Amino acid sequence: MANLTDPLIRSIQGTDPQNLMEYITRQKIYDSRFWKEECFGLTAADVLERAAKSLSCIGGSYGGTRRPTKFLCLTLKLLQLQPDMELIQTFLEQD
């Protein structure tokens, strides 16, 4: 259930916004511990708040098995939720 896109959002390029990430990357994110423990049931405001507090770097994947970073997990969650631009702008303008 946590891997489904919100049914009320608009499609991007005629498809599910999650499809902007490659299939194998999405599957690695869904299997990651951070996704299962920290990203389950988040709202758009929670995702942005968690990003502001917990992200220490921006990157793709790391390690021998190419595990996804927290940044990629939260990016996929934002693709699922598609928060309002006003909400994102508010968080960017905060100190």
N, C-alpha and C. Protein backbone atom coordinates (compact mmCIF):
# COMPACT_ATOMS: atom_id res chain seq x y z
N MET A 1 0.82 -1.19 0.00
CA MET A 1 0.00 0.00 0.00
C MET A 1 0.86 1.25 0.00
N ALA A 2 2.00 1.23 0.65
CA ALA A 2 2.85 2.42 0.73
C ALA A 2 3.53 2.72 -0.60
N ASN A 3 3.48 1.81 -1.54
CA ASN A 3 4.17 2.02 -2.81
C ASN A 3 3.24 2.56 -3.90
N LEU A 4 2.01 2.88 -3.54
CA LEU A 4 1.06 3.38 -4.51
C LEU A 4 1.07 4.89 -4.56
N THR A 5 0.84 5.42 -5.74
CA THR A 5 0.75 6.86 -5.92
C THR A 5 -0.64 7.33 -5.51
N ASP A 6 -0.72 8.51 -4.93
CA ASP A 6 -1.99 9.10 -4.55
C ASP A 6 -2.87 9.19 -5.79
N PRO A 7 -4.09 8.66 -5.74
CA PRO A 7 -4.93 8.64 -6.95
C PRO A 7 -5.41 10.02 -7.39
N LEU A 8 -5.29 11.04 -6.55
CA LEU A 8 -5.78 12.36 -6.90
C LEU A 8 -4.75 13.25 -7.60
N ILE A 9 -3.52 12.77 -7.77
CA ILE A 9 -2.50 13.60 -8.40
C ILE A 9 -2.58 13.49 -9.92
N ARG A 10 -1.97 14.46 -10.58
CA ARG A 10 -1.97 14.45 -12.04
C ARG A 10 -0.79 13.64 -12.56
N SER A 11 -0.97 13.05 -13.71
CA SER A 11 0.10 12.27 -14.31
C SER A 11 1.14 13.20 -14.93
N ILE A 12 2.35 12.71 -15.03
CA ILE A 12 3.44 13.45 -15.64
C ILE A 12 3.85 12.70 -16.90
N GLN A 13 3.82 13.37 -18.01
CA GLN A 13 4.13 12.79 -19.31
C GLN A 13 3.24 11.58 -19.58
N GLY A 14 1.99 11.65 -19.10
CA GLY A 14 1.02 10.60 -19.37
C GLY A 14 1.21 9.33 -18.58
N THR A 15 2.00 9.35 -17.52
CA THR A 15 2.24 8.16 -16.74
C THR A 15 2.33 8.48 -15.26
N ASP A 16 2.42 7.45 -14.46
CA ASP A 16 2.59 7.58 -13.02
C ASP A 16 3.90 8.32 -12.73
N PRO A 17 3.88 9.34 -11.88
CA PRO A 17 5.10 10.10 -11.59
C PRO A 17 6.25 9.25 -11.05
N GLN A 18 5.94 8.16 -10.38
CA GLN A 18 7.00 7.29 -9.87
C GLN A 18 7.84 6.68 -10.99
N ASN A 19 7.26 6.60 -12.18
CA ASN A 19 7.97 6.00 -13.30
C ASN A 19 9.09 6.90 -13.82
N LEU A 20 9.23 8.11 -13.26
CA LEU A 20 10.36 8.95 -13.62
C LEU A 20 11.67 8.36 -13.10
N MET A 21 11.58 7.53 -12.07
CA MET A 21 12.75 6.79 -11.57
C MET A 21 12.78 5.43 -12.23
N GLU A 22 13.97 4.92 -12.46
CA GLU A 22 14.09 3.61 -13.08
C GLU A 22 13.48 2.53 -12.20
N TYR A 23 13.01 1.49 -12.83
CA TYR A 23 12.34 0.39 -12.13
C TYR A 23 13.21 -0.22 -11.05
N ILE A 24 14.45 -0.55 -11.37
CA ILE A 24 15.33 -1.22 -10.40
C ILE A 24 15.63 -0.31 -9.22
N THR A 25 15.74 1.00 -9.47
CA THR A 25 15.98 1.95 -8.38
C THR A 25 14.77 2.00 -7.46
N ARG A 26 13.57 2.03 -8.05
CA ARG A 26 12.35 2.03 -7.24
C ARG A 26 12.26 0.77 -6.38
N GLN A 27 12.59 -0.38 -6.96
CA GLN A 27 12.51 -1.62 -6.20
C GLN A 27 13.52 -1.63 -5.05
N LYS A 28 14.69 -1.09 -5.27
CA LYS A 28 15.69 -1.01 -4.19
C LYS A 28 15.21 -0.07 -3.09
N ILE A 29 14.54 1.00 -3.47
CA ILE A 29 14.00 1.93 -2.48
C ILE A 29 12.91 1.24 -1.66
N TYR A 30 11.99 0.54 -2.34
CA TYR A 30 10.91 -0.15 -1.64
C TYR A 30 11.44 -1.20 -0.67
N ASP A 31 12.58 -1.80 -0.99
CA ASP A 31 13.18 -2.83 -0.14
C ASP A 31 14.07 -2.25 0.95
N SER A 32 14.36 -0.96 0.90
CA SER A 32 15.30 -0.38 1.87
C SER A 32 14.65 -0.23 3.24
N ARG A 33 15.48 -0.27 4.24
CA ARG A 33 15.02 -0.15 5.62
C ARG A 33 14.44 1.24 5.89
N PHE A 34 15.09 2.27 5.37
CA PHE A 34 14.63 3.64 5.59
C PHE A 34 13.22 3.82 5.03
N TRP A 35 12.95 3.28 3.85
CA TRP A 35 11.63 3.41 3.25
C TRP A 35 10.57 2.73 4.12
N LYS A 36 10.87 1.53 4.58
CA LYS A 36 9.89 0.77 5.35
C LYS A 36 9.65 1.36 6.74
N GLU A 37 10.68 1.90 7.36
CA GLU A 37 10.55 2.40 8.72
C GLU A 37 10.22 3.88 8.80
N GLU A 38 10.76 4.68 7.91
CA GLU A 38 10.65 6.13 8.04
C GLU A 38 9.69 6.78 7.05
N CYS A 39 9.49 6.18 5.90
CA CYS A 39 8.69 6.82 4.86
C CYS A 39 7.25 6.33 4.80
N PHE A 40 6.93 5.31 5.54
CA PHE A 40 5.58 4.75 5.50
C PHE A 40 4.60 5.71 6.17
N GLY A 41 3.55 6.06 5.45
CA GLY A 41 2.49 6.89 6.02
C GLY A 41 2.81 8.36 6.18
N LEU A 42 3.83 8.85 5.51
CA LEU A 42 4.17 10.27 5.62
C LEU A 42 3.25 11.13 4.75
N THR A 43 2.96 12.32 5.25
CA THR A 43 2.25 13.31 4.44
C THR A 43 3.29 14.20 3.78
N ALA A 44 2.85 15.08 2.90
CA ALA A 44 3.78 15.97 2.21
C ALA A 44 4.56 16.84 3.19
N ALA A 45 3.87 17.37 4.19
CA ALA A 45 4.55 18.21 5.19
C ALA A 45 5.56 17.40 5.99
N ASP A 46 5.22 16.15 6.30
CA ASP A 46 6.14 15.30 7.05
C ASP A 46 7.39 14.98 6.23
N VAL A 47 7.22 14.76 4.94
CA VAL A 47 8.37 14.45 4.08
C VAL A 47 9.33 15.63 4.05
N LEU A 48 8.79 16.82 3.87
CA LEU A 48 9.64 18.00 3.80
C LEU A 48 10.31 18.28 5.13
N GLU A 49 9.59 18.06 6.22
CA GLU A 49 10.18 18.25 7.54
C GLU A 49 11.29 17.23 7.80
N ARG A 50 11.04 15.98 7.43
CA ARG A 50 12.04 14.93 7.62
C ARG A 50 13.29 15.22 6.77
N ALA A 51 13.08 15.73 5.57
CA ALA A 51 14.21 16.07 4.70
C ALA A 51 15.04 17.19 5.32
N ALA A 52 14.38 18.18 5.87
CA ALA A 52 15.09 19.30 6.47
C ALA A 52 15.91 18.87 7.69
N LYS A 53 15.42 17.88 8.41
CA LYS A 53 16.08 17.46 9.64
C LYS A 53 17.12 16.35 9.45
N SER A 54 16.86 15.41 8.55
CA SER A 54 17.70 14.21 8.51
C SER A 54 18.67 14.12 7.34
N LEU A 55 18.48 14.92 6.30
CA LEU A 55 19.38 14.79 5.16
C LEU A 55 20.71 15.49 5.44
N SER A 56 21.77 14.74 5.27
CA SER A 56 23.11 15.32 5.43
C SER A 56 23.84 15.37 4.10
N CYS A 57 23.31 14.69 3.10
CA CYS A 57 23.93 14.72 1.78
C CYS A 57 22.86 14.47 0.71
N ILE A 58 23.22 14.80 -0.50
CA ILE A 58 22.34 14.55 -1.64
C ILE A 58 23.07 13.58 -2.54
N GLY A 59 22.44 12.48 -2.85
CA GLY A 59 23.11 11.51 -3.69
C GLY A 59 22.14 10.47 -4.19
N GLY A 60 22.68 9.49 -4.89
CA GLY A 60 21.87 8.46 -5.49
C GLY A 60 21.90 7.16 -4.73
N SER A 61 22.96 6.40 -4.91
CA SER A 61 23.09 5.12 -4.23
C SER A 61 24.54 4.93 -3.80
N TYR A 62 24.73 3.99 -2.87
CA TYR A 62 26.08 3.79 -2.32
C TYR A 62 26.25 2.33 -1.94
N GLY A 63 27.48 1.95 -1.66
CA GLY A 63 27.79 0.60 -1.20
C GLY A 63 27.89 -0.40 -2.33
N GLY A 64 28.26 -1.61 -1.95
CA GLY A 64 28.43 -2.68 -2.92
C GLY A 64 27.15 -3.10 -3.60
N THR A 65 26.06 -3.03 -2.87
CA THR A 65 24.77 -3.42 -3.44
C THR A 65 24.00 -2.22 -3.97
N ARG A 66 24.65 -1.06 -3.99
CA ARG A 66 24.06 0.18 -4.50
C ARG A 66 22.76 0.52 -3.79
N ARG A 67 22.82 0.59 -2.46
CA ARG A 67 21.65 0.95 -1.66
C ARG A 67 21.26 2.40 -1.90
N PRO A 68 19.96 2.70 -1.92
CA PRO A 68 19.52 4.08 -2.16
C PRO A 68 19.76 4.96 -0.92
N THR A 69 20.06 6.22 -1.16
CA THR A 69 20.24 7.17 -0.06
C THR A 69 18.88 7.63 0.45
N LYS A 70 18.90 8.30 1.60
CA LYS A 70 17.66 8.86 2.16
C LYS A 70 17.07 9.88 1.20
N PHE A 71 17.94 10.61 0.52
CA PHE A 71 17.48 11.61 -0.44
C PHE A 71 16.63 10.97 -1.54
N LEU A 72 17.08 9.85 -2.09
CA LEU A 72 16.30 9.18 -3.14
C LEU A 72 14.97 8.66 -2.59
N CYS A 73 14.98 8.14 -1.38
CA CYS A 73 13.74 7.63 -0.78
C CYS A 73 12.73 8.76 -0.60
N LEU A 74 13.18 9.90 -0.10
CA LEU A 74 12.27 11.01 0.11
C LEU A 74 11.83 11.63 -1.22
N THR A 75 12.69 11.59 -2.22
CA THR A 75 12.31 12.09 -3.54
C THR A 75 11.20 11.23 -4.13
N LEU A 76 11.32 9.92 -4.00
CA LEU A 76 10.27 9.04 -4.50
C LEU A 76 8.96 9.27 -3.75
N LYS A 77 9.05 9.52 -2.45
CA LYS A 77 7.84 9.79 -1.68
C LYS A 77 7.18 11.08 -2.15
N LEU A 78 7.98 12.09 -2.47
CA LEU A 78 7.43 13.34 -3.01
C LEU A 78 6.78 13.12 -4.37
N LEU A 79 7.35 12.24 -5.18
CA LEU A 79 6.72 11.91 -6.47
C LEU A 79 5.38 11.24 -6.25
N GLN A 80 5.26 10.44 -5.20
CA GLN A 80 3.99 9.78 -4.90
C GLN A 80 2.94 10.79 -4.48
N LEU A 81 3.34 11.77 -3.69
CA LEU A 81 2.38 12.68 -3.06
C LEU A 81 2.12 13.96 -3.84
N GLN A 82 3.08 14.42 -4.61
CA GLN A 82 3.01 15.69 -5.35
C GLN A 82 2.46 16.82 -4.48
N PRO A 83 3.25 17.31 -3.52
CA PRO A 83 2.77 18.40 -2.66
C PRO A 83 2.59 19.70 -3.45
N ASP A 84 1.78 20.59 -2.89
CA ASP A 84 1.56 21.89 -3.52
C ASP A 84 2.86 22.68 -3.57
N MET A 85 3.01 23.45 -4.61
CA MET A 85 4.22 24.26 -4.78
C MET A 85 4.37 25.27 -3.63
N GLU A 86 3.25 25.76 -3.12
CA GLU A 86 3.28 26.71 -2.01
C GLU A 86 3.92 26.09 -0.77
N LEU A 87 3.61 24.82 -0.50
CA LEU A 87 4.18 24.13 0.64
C LEU A 87 5.68 23.96 0.50
N ILE A 88 6.13 23.59 -0.68
CA ILE A 88 7.55 23.43 -0.92
C ILE A 88 8.26 24.78 -0.81
N GLN A 89 7.66 25.81 -1.37
CA GLN A 89 8.25 27.16 -1.31
C GLN A 89 8.37 27.64 0.13
N THR A 90 7.39 27.36 0.96
CA THR A 90 7.43 27.74 2.37
C THR A 90 8.60 27.09 3.08
N PHE A 91 8.82 25.80 2.85
CA PHE A 91 9.94 25.11 3.48
C PHE A 91 11.29 25.60 2.96
N LEU A 92 11.37 25.97 1.70
CA LEU A 92 12.62 26.47 1.16
C LEU A 92 12.97 27.83 1.72
N GLU A 93 11.98 28.64 2.02
CA GLU A 93 12.22 29.98 2.53
C GLU A 93 12.53 30.02 4.01
N GLN A 94 12.23 28.96 4.74
CA GLN A 94 12.50 28.92 6.17
C GLN A 94 14.00 28.83 6.43
N ASP A 95 14.40 29.28 7.61
CA ASP A 95 15.83 29.21 8.00
C ASP A 95 16.25 27.81 8.30
